Every structure is written in C-alpha cells, then in structure tokens.
Amino acid sequence: MNQPSLLSVLKRPGFNALVWIRSWWKIMLFGVVILTLALTPSTYIRANRNLIARQIVRTTVPNLMWFTVLSALISVVLIRIVVVTALSYGLSRFAIEMVVRVLVLELIPLTAALFVALRCMLPDAAEVAQMDARGDLDALQRQGTDPMRQEFLPRVMAGVFAVWMLGIVSCIMTLVLAYFAIYGFTPWALAGYTRIVGHVFNPAVTLILVLKIFFFSVAVAFIPMASAYYDGTVKVRRSRTGIAGLIGIVRLFAVVLVIEVASLMGNYY
C-alpha cells in the first residue's frame, strides 16, 4: 500500500489555499462583470428593462408579504419577552433600547438576508446551474444573446433589491409594533419614543446598519450566482451541479457570518 510522501502532504495546505484564493478571485471577477453591465446604458434596452423588472417583482412581491407577516409575529413575541423581562428586573426604561438594538439592528437585517437567500437566490442559482448543465446558456450564446445580461444580471439585481426592501419594511414595521406593544394606542408617548430611538440610531450605528444591509444584499445576490457560473462550467457538468450549489451555500453563509460579526464589533466595541 503506497503511503503519501512527506512532500505531497506539505504541499496540500498550499494547494488548498491556492484553490481558495482562486475561487474568491473568480467571484470578484463575476462581481466586476455584473457591476459593469449594471452601469452600462446599453444594458437597459426595452427588452432587458422588462426582463429585469419582471425578475424584481417575481423575487420581491411574494416574499415581501410572507416575510412581513413572519417578522411581525416573531417581533411581537420577542418584544413581549423583552418588555416583561425588563419590567421584572426593574429595567423598564431600557426595554425600548433593547428591542431596537436586538430586533432592528441585528435580527431583522440578518433574517431578511437569509430569507432572500433560501427562498430566491439559492434556487435561482441551482436553476441557472441546471440550464448550464443542459447547454441552454451555450445555446443562448450561439444565438447572439449574452447569458450574463439575460440570466444572471436580472437575478442579481432582484436579489439586491429584495434584501433592501424586506429589511427596510420589516425594520419600520418592528418600530411601529414596538411602540404599540409598549405604550398602547396613544399618541402622547410618541415624542419620548422617537427620542429614545433617535438616541440609539446615532450616526455611527446608522452607518453600520446601512453598510451591513448593503453587504448582506451583495453577498446574497452575488455569491450563489457566481458559484453557479464558475463551478457549473466544468466538463462533467451534470455530476457537478449539486456540488456547485453546496459550495455556494458554504461560501454565502461564511460571508454572512463575517459581516454579522464585523457589525457586532462595530456597534459594541
């Protein structure tokens, strides 16, 4: 039985690091291509505009309704838990700030990104990988149609828009629910409530929140599609379609975790 040589064992970490760097370099190249197409005026001819608009509506509208209902139910439960816990320890004055920090700053953006990834972008990436495995993308190219503009760009733009829309709508709805859950249906506490919320959303925290949602949307939209584009284009395509999807999931969740940890460090350190 042949034993692996010491030299081959020592070379493995370097080879794995090279493969890792190469894969992320490809994702960056894919992002540059998509960004270039998005900023090119010729991309937005009538047919492409209609295609992008349909994809944005298909990705955002159904998920906005379901995510809004889901986040409302979860928010009501968590708000009630935080308020009751704060009252039991005599910390009622900190209840609003805790609700805003836990839900609006942390849970809602993360949940919106993961929701769009699982409901839209990962299935879309698997669909595009299957199209590539069947040779549909090559057929489009032979017909003079750019697959990047017709298949990849609309899905990426729709993913970015969906994360922003779900995150913004859910954050606003959570703030409204928090007010009604704590103060009830009275307008007299609005001044104090807005003052506390404004104290939480200082310029630094607001900037971190905007950057976090931005990077979440970029990661959710770009990484699955880039993995489908590069990891699917291999000689044995049919046997690698599922592997490409798994690789995209691992990359996506790793980046989301890094973004979340970085935002926590920015907010609390």
C-alpha atoms as a PDB file:
ATOM      1  CA  MET A   1       0.000   0.000   0.000  1.00  0.00           C
ATOM      2  CA  ASN A   2       1.517   3.298  -1.100  1.00  0.00           C
ATOM      3  CA  GLN A   3       1.942   5.904   1.628  1.00  0.00           C
ATOM      4  CA  PRO A   4       1.730   9.593   0.677  1.00  0.00           C
ATOM      5  CA  SER A   5       5.134  11.242   0.643  1.00  0.00           C
ATOM      6  CA  LEU A   6       6.024  13.974   3.120  1.00  0.00           C
ATOM      7  CA  LEU A   7       6.415  16.461   0.290  1.00  0.00           C
ATOM      8  CA  SER A   8       2.903  15.807  -1.007  1.00  0.00           C
ATOM      9  CA  VAL A   9       1.450  16.204   2.496  1.00  0.00           C
ATOM     10  CA  LEU A  10       3.255  19.524   2.949  1.00  0.00           C
ATOM     11  CA  LYS A  11       2.033  20.750  -0.412  1.00  0.00           C
ATOM     12  CA  ARG A  12      -1.655  20.161   0.384  1.00  0.00           C
ATOM     13  CA  PRO A  13      -2.224  23.259   2.577  1.00  0.00           C
ATOM     14  CA  GLY A  14      -0.593  25.476  -0.029  1.00  0.00           C
ATOM     15  CA  PHE A  15      -2.653  23.895  -2.806  1.00  0.00           C
ATOM     16  CA  ASN A  16      -5.893  24.287  -0.834  1.00  0.00           C
ATOM     17  CA  ALA A  17      -5.049  27.918  -0.095  1.00  0.00           C
ATOM     18  CA  LEU A  18      -4.398  28.493  -3.791  1.00  0.00           C
ATOM     19  CA  VAL A  19      -7.743  26.953  -4.724  1.00  0.00           C
ATOM     20  CA  TRP A  20      -9.486  29.067  -2.082  1.00  0.00           C
ATOM     21  CA  ILE A  21      -7.897  32.289  -3.327  1.00  0.00           C
ATOM     22  CA  ARG A  22      -8.690  31.377  -6.922  1.00  0.00           C
ATOM     23  CA  SER A  23     -12.359  30.721  -6.147  1.00  0.00           C
ATOM     24  CA  TRP A  24     -12.813  34.054  -4.392  1.00  0.00           C
ATOM     25  CA  TRP A  25     -10.932  35.818  -7.181  1.00  0.00           C
ATOM     26  CA  LYS A  26     -13.452  34.384  -9.637  1.00  0.00           C
ATOM     27  CA  ILE A  27     -16.318  35.666  -7.508  1.00  0.00           C
ATOM     28  CA  MET A  28     -14.745  39.133  -7.534  1.00  0.00           C
ATOM     29  CA  LEU A  29     -14.392  38.966 -11.312  1.00  0.00           C
ATOM     30  CA  PHE A  30     -18.040  37.966 -11.602  1.00  0.00           C
ATOM     31  CA  GLY A  31     -18.991  40.944  -9.441  1.00  0.00           C
ATOM     32  CA  VAL A  32     -16.957  43.294 -11.620  1.00  0.00           C
ATOM     33  CA  VAL A  33     -18.652  41.957 -14.761  1.00  0.00           C
ATOM     34  CA  ILE A  34     -22.134  42.309 -13.265  1.00  0.00           C
ATOM     35  CA  LEU A  35     -21.378  45.799 -11.956  1.00  0.00           C
ATOM     36  CA  THR A  36     -20.069  46.832 -15.373  1.00  0.00           C
ATOM     37  CA  LEU A  37     -23.206  45.550 -17.068  1.00  0.00           C
ATOM     38  CA  ALA A  38     -25.393  47.282 -14.473  1.00  0.00           C
ATOM     39  CA  LEU A  39     -23.669  50.618 -15.173  1.00  0.00           C
ATOM     40  CA  THR A  40     -23.719  50.240 -18.962  1.00  0.00           C
ATOM     41  CA  PRO A  41     -26.573  52.207 -20.604  1.00  0.00           C
ATOM     42  CA  SER A  42     -26.882  49.689 -23.440  1.00  0.00           C
ATOM     43  CA  THR A  43     -27.970  47.074 -20.895  1.00  0.00           C
ATOM     44  CA  TYR A  44     -31.251  48.878 -20.316  1.00  0.00           C
ATOM     45  CA  ILE A  45     -32.861  48.495 -23.697  1.00  0.00           C
ATOM     46  CA  ARG A  46     -36.597  47.885 -23.614  1.00  0.00           C
ATOM     47  CA  ALA A  47     -36.417  44.079 -23.620  1.00  0.00           C
ATOM     48  CA  ASN A  48     -33.806  43.968 -20.851  1.00  0.00           C
ATOM     49  CA  ARG A  49     -35.683  46.532 -18.760  1.00  0.00           C
ATOM     50  CA  ASN A  50     -38.823  44.432 -18.910  1.00  0.00           C
ATOM     51  CA  LEU A  51     -36.850  41.313 -18.010  1.00  0.00           C
ATOM     52  CA  ILE A  52     -35.187  42.992 -15.012  1.00  0.00           C
ATOM     53  CA  ALA A  53     -38.487  44.491 -13.819  1.00  0.00           C
ATOM     54  CA  ARG A  54     -40.279  41.128 -14.029  1.00  0.00           C
ATOM     55  CA  GLN A  55     -37.483  39.432 -12.124  1.00  0.00           C
ATOM     56  CA  ILE A  56     -37.515  42.089  -9.385  1.00  0.00           C
ATOM     57  CA  VAL A  57     -41.294  41.789  -8.997  1.00  0.00           C
ATOM     58  CA  ARG A  58     -41.160  37.984  -9.010  1.00  0.00           C
ATOM     59  CA  THR A  59     -38.455  37.958  -6.345  1.00  0.00           C
ATOM     60  CA  THR A  60     -39.703  40.746  -4.091  1.00  0.00           C
ATOM     61  CA  VAL A  61     -43.504  40.894  -4.038  1.00  0.00           C
ATOM     62  CA  PRO A  62     -44.410  37.343  -2.850  1.00  0.00           C
ATOM     63  CA  ASN A  63     -41.539  37.230  -0.377  1.00  0.00           C
ATOM     64  CA  LEU A  64     -42.313  40.702   0.978  1.00  0.00           C
ATOM     65  CA  MET A  65     -45.781  39.609   2.073  1.00  0.00           C
ATOM     66  CA  TRP A  66     -44.652  36.367   3.692  1.00  0.00           C
ATOM     67  CA  PHE A  67     -41.592  37.879   5.349  1.00  0.00           C
ATOM     68  CA  THR A  68     -43.563  40.842   6.685  1.00  0.00           C
ATOM     69  CA  VAL A  69     -46.123  38.535   8.314  1.00  0.00           C
ATOM     70  CA  LEU A  70     -43.413  36.237   9.673  1.00  0.00           C
ATOM     71  CA  SER A  71     -41.266  39.054  11.051  1.00  0.00           C
ATOM     72  CA  ALA A  72     -44.363  40.721  12.586  1.00  0.00           C
ATOM     73  CA  LEU A  73     -45.275  37.553  14.505  1.00  0.00           C
ATOM     74  CA  ILE A  74     -41.707  36.991  15.688  1.00  0.00           C
ATOM     75  CA  SER A  75     -41.288  40.668  16.588  1.00  0.00           C
ATOM     76  CA  VAL A  76     -44.448  40.731  18.713  1.00  0.00           C
ATOM     77  CA  VAL A  77     -43.308  37.673  20.652  1.00  0.00           C
ATOM     78  CA  LEU A  78     -39.767  38.959  21.190  1.00  0.00           C
ATOM     79  CA  ILE A  79     -40.951  42.456  22.117  1.00  0.00           C
ATOM     80  CA  ARG A  80     -43.268  40.973  24.724  1.00  0.00           C
ATOM     81  CA  ILE A  81     -40.478  38.811  26.148  1.00  0.00           C
ATOM     82  CA  VAL A  82     -38.053  41.738  26.360  1.00  0.00           C
ATOM     83  CA  VAL A  83     -40.625  44.078  27.933  1.00  0.00           C
ATOM     84  CA  VAL A  84     -41.788  41.547  30.551  1.00  0.00           C
ATOM     85  CA  THR A  85     -38.199  40.632  31.417  1.00  0.00           C
ATOM     86  CA  ALA A  86     -37.180  44.284  31.752  1.00  0.00           C
ATOM     87  CA  LEU A  87     -40.180  45.039  33.976  1.00  0.00           C
ATOM     88  CA  SER A  88     -39.449  42.063  36.242  1.00  0.00           C
ATOM     89  CA  TYR A  89     -35.902  43.327  36.850  1.00  0.00           C
ATOM     90  CA  GLY A  90     -36.895  46.973  37.190  1.00  0.00           C
ATOM     91  CA  LEU A  91     -35.245  47.958  33.921  1.00  0.00           C
ATOM     92  CA  SER A  92     -38.297  49.172  32.041  1.00  0.00           C
ATOM     93  CA  ARG A  93     -36.528  52.337  30.861  1.00  0.00           C
ATOM     94  CA  PHE A  94     -34.097  50.169  28.910  1.00  0.00           C
ATOM     95  CA  ALA A  95     -36.773  47.990  27.268  1.00  0.00           C
ATOM     96  CA  ILE A  96     -37.212  50.150  24.154  1.00  0.00           C
ATOM     97  CA  GLU A  97     -33.491  50.417  23.554  1.00  0.00           C
ATOM     98  CA  MET A  98     -33.085  46.667  23.941  1.00  0.00           C
ATOM     99  CA  VAL A  99     -35.916  45.999  21.476  1.00  0.00           C
ATOM    100  CA  VAL A 100     -34.439  48.373  18.898  1.00  0.00           C
ATOM    101  CA  ARG A 101     -30.921  47.013  19.247  1.00  0.00           C
ATOM    102  CA  VAL A 102     -31.859  43.329  19.244  1.00  0.00           C
ATOM    103  CA  LEU A 103     -34.519  43.368  16.531  1.00  0.00           C
ATOM    104  CA  VAL A 104     -33.901  46.345  14.234  1.00  0.00           C
ATOM    105  CA  LEU A 105     -30.111  46.428  14.328  1.00  0.00           C
ATOM    106  CA  GLU A 106     -29.346  42.704  14.431  1.00  0.00           C
ATOM    107  CA  LEU A 107     -32.100  40.160  13.822  1.00  0.00           C
ATOM    108  CA  ILE A 108     -34.206  41.793  11.089  1.00  0.00           C
ATOM    109  CA  PRO A 109     -31.364  42.504   8.587  1.00  0.00           C
ATOM    110  CA  LEU A 110     -29.829  39.071   9.132  1.00  0.00           C
ATOM    111  CA  THR A 111     -33.181  37.307   8.808  1.00  0.00           C
ATOM    112  CA  ALA A 112     -34.067  39.267   5.662  1.00  0.00           C
ATOM    113  CA  ALA A 113     -30.774  38.314   4.010  1.00  0.00           C
ATOM    114  CA  LEU A 114     -31.119  34.633   4.885  1.00  0.00           C
ATOM    115  CA  PHE A 115     -34.773  34.612   3.813  1.00  0.00           C
ATOM    116  CA  VAL A 116     -33.945  36.004   0.364  1.00  0.00           C
ATOM    117  CA  ALA A 117     -31.009  33.627   0.042  1.00  0.00           C
ATOM    118  CA  LEU A 118     -33.003  30.500   0.880  1.00  0.00           C
ATOM    119  CA  ARG A 119     -36.210  31.453  -0.917  1.00  0.00           C
ATOM    120  CA  CYS A 120     -34.797  33.062  -4.059  1.00  0.00           C
ATOM    121  CA  MET A 121     -31.084  33.218  -4.742  1.00  0.00           C
ATOM    122  CA  LEU A 122     -30.045  29.650  -3.963  1.00  0.00           C
ATOM    123  CA  PRO A 123     -32.952  28.170  -6.004  1.00  0.00           C
ATOM    124  CA  ASP A 124     -32.171  30.616  -8.829  1.00  0.00           C
ATOM    125  CA  ALA A 125     -28.511  29.608  -8.730  1.00  0.00           C
ATOM    126  CA  ALA A 126     -29.483  25.935  -8.905  1.00  0.00           C
ATOM    127  CA  GLU A 127     -31.795  26.708 -11.838  1.00  0.00           C
ATOM    128  CA  VAL A 128     -29.029  28.519 -13.728  1.00  0.00           C
ATOM    129  CA  ALA A 129     -26.593  25.675 -12.982  1.00  0.00           C
ATOM    130  CA  GLN A 130     -29.091  23.192 -14.437  1.00  0.00           C
ATOM    131  CA  MET A 131     -29.509  25.402 -17.505  1.00  0.00           C
ATOM    132  CA  ASP A 132     -25.744  25.366 -17.915  1.00  0.00           C
ATOM    133  CA  ALA A 133     -25.675  21.599 -17.482  1.00  0.00           C
ATOM    134  CA  ARG A 134     -28.276  21.199 -20.248  1.00  0.00           C
ATOM    135  CA  GLY A 135     -26.337  23.546 -22.515  1.00  0.00           C
ATOM    136  CA  ASP A 136     -29.036  26.239 -22.568  1.00  0.00           C
ATOM    137  CA  LEU A 137     -26.561  29.020 -21.811  1.00  0.00           C
ATOM    138  CA  ASP A 138     -24.328  27.918 -24.673  1.00  0.00           C
ATOM    139  CA  ALA A 139     -27.381  27.886 -26.948  1.00  0.00           C
ATOM    140  CA  LEU A 140     -28.177  31.477 -25.954  1.00  0.00           C
ATOM    141  CA  GLN A 141     -24.626  32.482 -26.729  1.00  0.00           C
ATOM    142  CA  ARG A 142     -24.783  30.858 -30.163  1.00  0.00           C
ATOM    143  CA  GLN A 143     -27.982  32.808 -30.839  1.00  0.00           C
ATOM    144  CA  GLY A 144     -26.175  36.080 -30.119  1.00  0.00           C
ATOM    145  CA  THR A 145     -27.692  36.617 -26.653  1.00  0.00           C
ATOM    146  CA  ASP A 146     -25.424  37.356 -23.717  1.00  0.00           C
ATOM    147  CA  PRO A 147     -26.327  34.955 -20.852  1.00  0.00           C
ATOM    148  CA  MET A 148     -24.880  37.408 -18.358  1.00  0.00           C
ATOM    149  CA  ARG A 149     -27.394  40.068 -19.337  1.00  0.00           C
ATOM    150  CA  GLN A 150     -30.372  37.792 -19.764  1.00  0.00           C
ATOM    151  CA  GLU A 151     -29.986  35.234 -16.978  1.00  0.00           C
ATOM    152  CA  PHE A 152     -27.503  36.464 -14.373  1.00  0.00           C
ATOM    153  CA  LEU A 153     -27.886  40.262 -14.193  1.00  0.00           C
ATOM    154  CA  PRO A 154     -31.695  40.289 -13.613  1.00  0.00           C
ATOM    155  CA  ARG A 155     -31.412  37.720 -10.819  1.00  0.00           C
ATOM    156  CA  VAL A 156     -28.556  39.571  -9.117  1.00  0.00           C
ATOM    157  CA  MET A 157     -30.353  42.936  -9.262  1.00  0.00           C
ATOM    158  CA  ALA A 158     -33.539  41.344  -7.979  1.00  0.00           C
ATOM    159  CA  GLY A 159     -31.683  39.769  -5.053  1.00  0.00           C
ATOM    160  CA  VAL A 160     -30.087  43.070  -4.029  1.00  0.00           C
ATOM    161  CA  PHE A 161     -33.415  44.909  -4.262  1.00  0.00           C
ATOM    162  CA  ALA A 162     -35.287  42.202  -2.326  1.00  0.00           C
ATOM    163  CA  VAL A 163     -32.897  42.279   0.634  1.00  0.00           C
ATOM    164  CA  TRP A 164     -33.166  46.071   0.868  1.00  0.00           C
ATOM    165  CA  MET A 165     -36.945  46.088   0.544  1.00  0.00           C
ATOM    166  CA  LEU A 166     -37.547  43.296   3.064  1.00  0.00           C
ATOM    167  CA  GLY A 167     -35.076  44.798   5.528  1.00  0.00           C
ATOM    168  CA  ILE A 168     -36.422  48.368   5.361  1.00  0.00           C
ATOM    169  CA  VAL A 169     -40.112  47.428   5.508  1.00  0.00           C
ATOM    170  CA  SER A 170     -39.582  44.984   8.381  1.00  0.00           C
ATOM    171  CA  CYS A 171     -37.459  47.425  10.410  1.00  0.00           C
ATOM    172  CA  ILE A 172     -40.104  50.158  10.107  1.00  0.00           C
ATOM    173  CA  MET A 173     -42.879  47.720  10.960  1.00  0.00           C
ATOM    174  CA  THR A 174     -40.952  46.486  14.015  1.00  0.00           C
ATOM    175  CA  LEU A 175     -40.523  50.044  15.308  1.00  0.00           C
ATOM    176  CA  VAL A 176     -44.263  50.631  14.941  1.00  0.00           C
ATOM    177  CA  LEU A 177     -45.130  47.351  16.676  1.00  0.00           C
ATOM    178  CA  ALA A 178     -42.711  48.129  19.495  1.00  0.00           C
ATOM    179  CA  TYR A 179     -44.445  51.459  20.125  1.00  0.00           C
ATOM    180  CA  PHE A 180     -47.914  49.918  20.256  1.00  0.00           C
ATOM    181  CA  ALA A 181     -46.749  46.963  22.370  1.00  0.00           C
ATOM    182  CA  ILE A 182     -45.122  49.196  24.970  1.00  0.00           C
ATOM    183  CA  TYR A 183     -47.329  52.313  25.049  1.00  0.00           C
ATOM    184  CA  GLY A 184     -50.581  51.130  23.508  1.00  0.00           C
ATOM    185  CA  PHE A 185     -52.743  53.128  21.119  1.00  0.00           C
ATOM    186  CA  THR A 186     -51.895  56.599  22.393  1.00  0.00           C
ATOM    187  CA  PRO A 187     -50.096  59.444  20.594  1.00  0.00           C
ATOM    188  CA  TRP A 188     -48.803  61.083  23.788  1.00  0.00           C
ATOM    189  CA  ALA A 189     -45.734  58.889  24.149  1.00  0.00           C
ATOM    190  CA  LEU A 190     -44.553  59.445  20.585  1.00  0.00           C
ATOM    191  CA  ALA A 191     -42.132  62.252  21.479  1.00  0.00           C
ATOM    192  CA  GLY A 192     -40.354  60.199  24.132  1.00  0.00           C
ATOM    193  CA  TYR A 193     -40.299  57.117  21.925  1.00  0.00           C
ATOM    194  CA  THR A 194     -38.753  58.932  18.972  1.00  0.00           C
ATOM    195  CA  ARG A 195     -36.178  60.489  21.315  1.00  0.00           C
ATOM    196  CA  ILE A 196     -35.085  57.066  22.583  1.00  0.00           C
ATOM    197  CA  VAL A 197     -34.982  55.589  19.067  1.00  0.00           C
ATOM    198  CA  GLY A 198     -33.020  58.612  17.845  1.00  0.00           C
ATOM    199  CA  HIS A 199     -30.552  58.104  20.694  1.00  0.00           C
ATOM    200  CA  VAL A 200     -29.973  54.521  19.545  1.00  0.00           C
ATOM    201  CA  PHE A 201     -29.626  55.479  15.891  1.00  0.00           C
ATOM    202  CA  ASN A 202     -26.661  57.787  16.233  1.00  0.00           C
ATOM    203  CA  PRO A 203     -24.631  58.464  13.044  1.00  0.00           C
ATOM    204  CA  ALA A 204     -22.163  55.630  13.674  1.00  0.00           C
ATOM    205  CA  VAL A 205     -24.847  52.994  14.343  1.00  0.00           C
ATOM    206  CA  THR A 206     -26.906  54.145  11.357  1.00  0.00           C
ATOM    207  CA  LEU A 207     -23.877  53.934   9.079  1.00  0.00           C
ATOM    208  CA  ILE A 208     -23.074  50.425  10.321  1.00  0.00           C
ATOM    209  CA  LEU A 209     -26.683  49.335   9.753  1.00  0.00           C
ATOM    210  CA  VAL A 210     -26.729  50.696   6.194  1.00  0.00           C
ATOM    211  CA  LEU A 211     -23.370  49.097   5.396  1.00  0.00           C
ATOM    212  CA  LYS A 212     -24.495  45.787   6.889  1.00  0.00           C
ATOM    213  CA  ILE A 213     -27.656  45.660   4.786  1.00  0.00           C
ATOM    214  CA  PHE A 214     -25.640  46.675   1.723  1.00  0.00           C
ATOM    215  CA  PHE A 215     -23.027  43.958   2.173  1.00  0.00           C
ATOM    216  CA  PHE A 216     -25.720  41.398   3.048  1.00  0.00           C
ATOM    217  CA  SER A 217     -27.534  42.199  -0.215  1.00  0.00           C
ATOM    218  CA  VAL A 218     -24.324  41.996  -2.237  1.00  0.00           C
ATOM    219  CA  ALA A 219     -23.331  38.670  -0.668  1.00  0.00           C
ATOM    220  CA  VAL A 220     -26.795  37.129  -1.045  1.00  0.00           C
ATOM    221  CA  ALA A 221     -27.134  38.237  -4.668  1.00  0.00           C
ATOM    222  CA  PHE A 222     -23.606  37.690  -5.998  1.00  0.00           C
ATOM    223  CA  ILE A 223     -22.124  34.631  -4.294  1.00  0.00           C
ATOM    224  CA  PRO A 224     -24.728  31.972  -5.267  1.00  0.00           C
ATOM    225  CA  MET A 225     -24.888  33.198  -8.871  1.00  0.00           C
ATOM    226  CA  ALA A 226     -21.094  33.415  -9.134  1.00  0.00           C
ATOM    227  CA  SER A 227     -20.758  29.895  -7.744  1.00  0.00           C
ATOM    228  CA  ALA A 228     -23.310  28.632 -10.269  1.00  0.00           C
ATOM    229  CA  TYR A 229     -21.500  30.415 -13.098  1.00  0.00           C
ATOM    230  CA  TYR A 230     -17.956  29.242 -12.348  1.00  0.00           C
ATOM    231  CA  ASP A 231     -18.447  25.947 -10.506  1.00  0.00           C
ATOM    232  CA  GLY A 232     -21.029  24.780 -13.027  1.00  0.00           C
ATOM    233  CA  THR A 233     -18.857  25.322 -16.082  1.00  0.00           C
ATOM    234  CA  VAL A 234     -16.857  22.110 -15.921  1.00  0.00           C
ATOM    235  CA  LYS A 235     -16.523  19.217 -18.297  1.00  0.00           C
ATOM    236  CA  VAL A 236     -18.674  16.842 -16.285  1.00  0.00           C
ATOM    237  CA  ARG A 237     -21.441  19.356 -15.691  1.00  0.00           C
ATOM    238  CA  ARG A 238     -24.305  17.134 -14.707  1.00  0.00           C
ATOM    239  CA  SER A 239     -22.384  15.463 -11.898  1.00  0.00           C
ATOM    240  CA  ARG A 240     -21.178  18.804 -10.518  1.00  0.00           C
ATOM    241  CA  THR A 241     -24.443  20.771 -10.385  1.00  0.00           C
ATOM    242  CA  GLY A 242     -25.283  19.725  -6.836  1.00  0.00           C
ATOM    243  CA  ILE A 243     -21.686  20.234  -5.711  1.00  0.00           C
ATOM    244  CA  ALA A 244     -21.722  23.767  -7.113  1.00  0.00           C
ATOM    245  CA  GLY A 245     -24.866  24.543  -5.145  1.00  0.00           C
ATOM    246  CA  LEU A 246     -23.351  23.196  -1.925  1.00  0.00           C
ATOM    247  CA  ILE A 247     -20.190  25.220  -2.439  1.00  0.00           C
ATOM    248  CA  GLY A 248     -22.288  28.350  -2.985  1.00  0.00           C
ATOM    249  CA  ILE A 249     -24.201  27.752   0.269  1.00  0.00           C
ATOM    250  CA  VAL A 250     -20.983  27.351   2.276  1.00  0.00           C
ATOM    251  CA  ARG A 251     -19.451  30.480   0.779  1.00  0.00           C
ATOM    252  CA  LEU A 252     -22.600  32.516   1.341  1.00  0.00           C
ATOM    253  CA  PHE A 253     -23.073  31.603   4.992  1.00  0.00           C
ATOM    254  CA  ALA A 254     -19.373  32.164   5.696  1.00  0.00           C
ATOM    255  CA  VAL A 255     -19.547  35.701   4.302  1.00  0.00           C
ATOM    256  CA  VAL A 256     -22.829  36.466   6.102  1.00  0.00           C
ATOM    257  CA  LEU A 257     -21.262  35.314   9.374  1.00  0.00           C
ATOM    258  CA  VAL A 258     -18.212  37.536   8.821  1.00  0.00           C
ATOM    259  CA  ILE A 259     -20.419  40.555   8.050  1.00  0.00           C
ATOM    260  CA  GLU A 260     -22.544  39.978  11.155  1.00  0.00           C
ATOM    261  CA  VAL A 261     -19.505  39.613  13.419  1.00  0.00           C
ATOM    262  CA  ALA A 262     -17.960  42.767  11.950  1.00  0.00           C
ATOM    263  CA  SER A 263     -21.180  44.733  12.561  1.00  0.00           C
ATOM    264  CA  LEU A 264     -21.352  43.490  16.174  1.00  0.00           C
ATOM    265  CA  MET A 265     -17.777  44.593  16.741  1.00  0.00           C
ATOM    266  CA  GLY A 266     -18.548  47.989  15.228  1.00  0.00           C
ATOM    267  CA  ASN A 267     -21.637  48.516  17.381  1.00  0.00           C
ATOM    268  CA  TYR A 268     -20.415  47.233  20.732  1.00  0.00           C
ATOM    269  CA  TYR A 269     -16.611  47.548  20.819  1.00  0.00           C
END
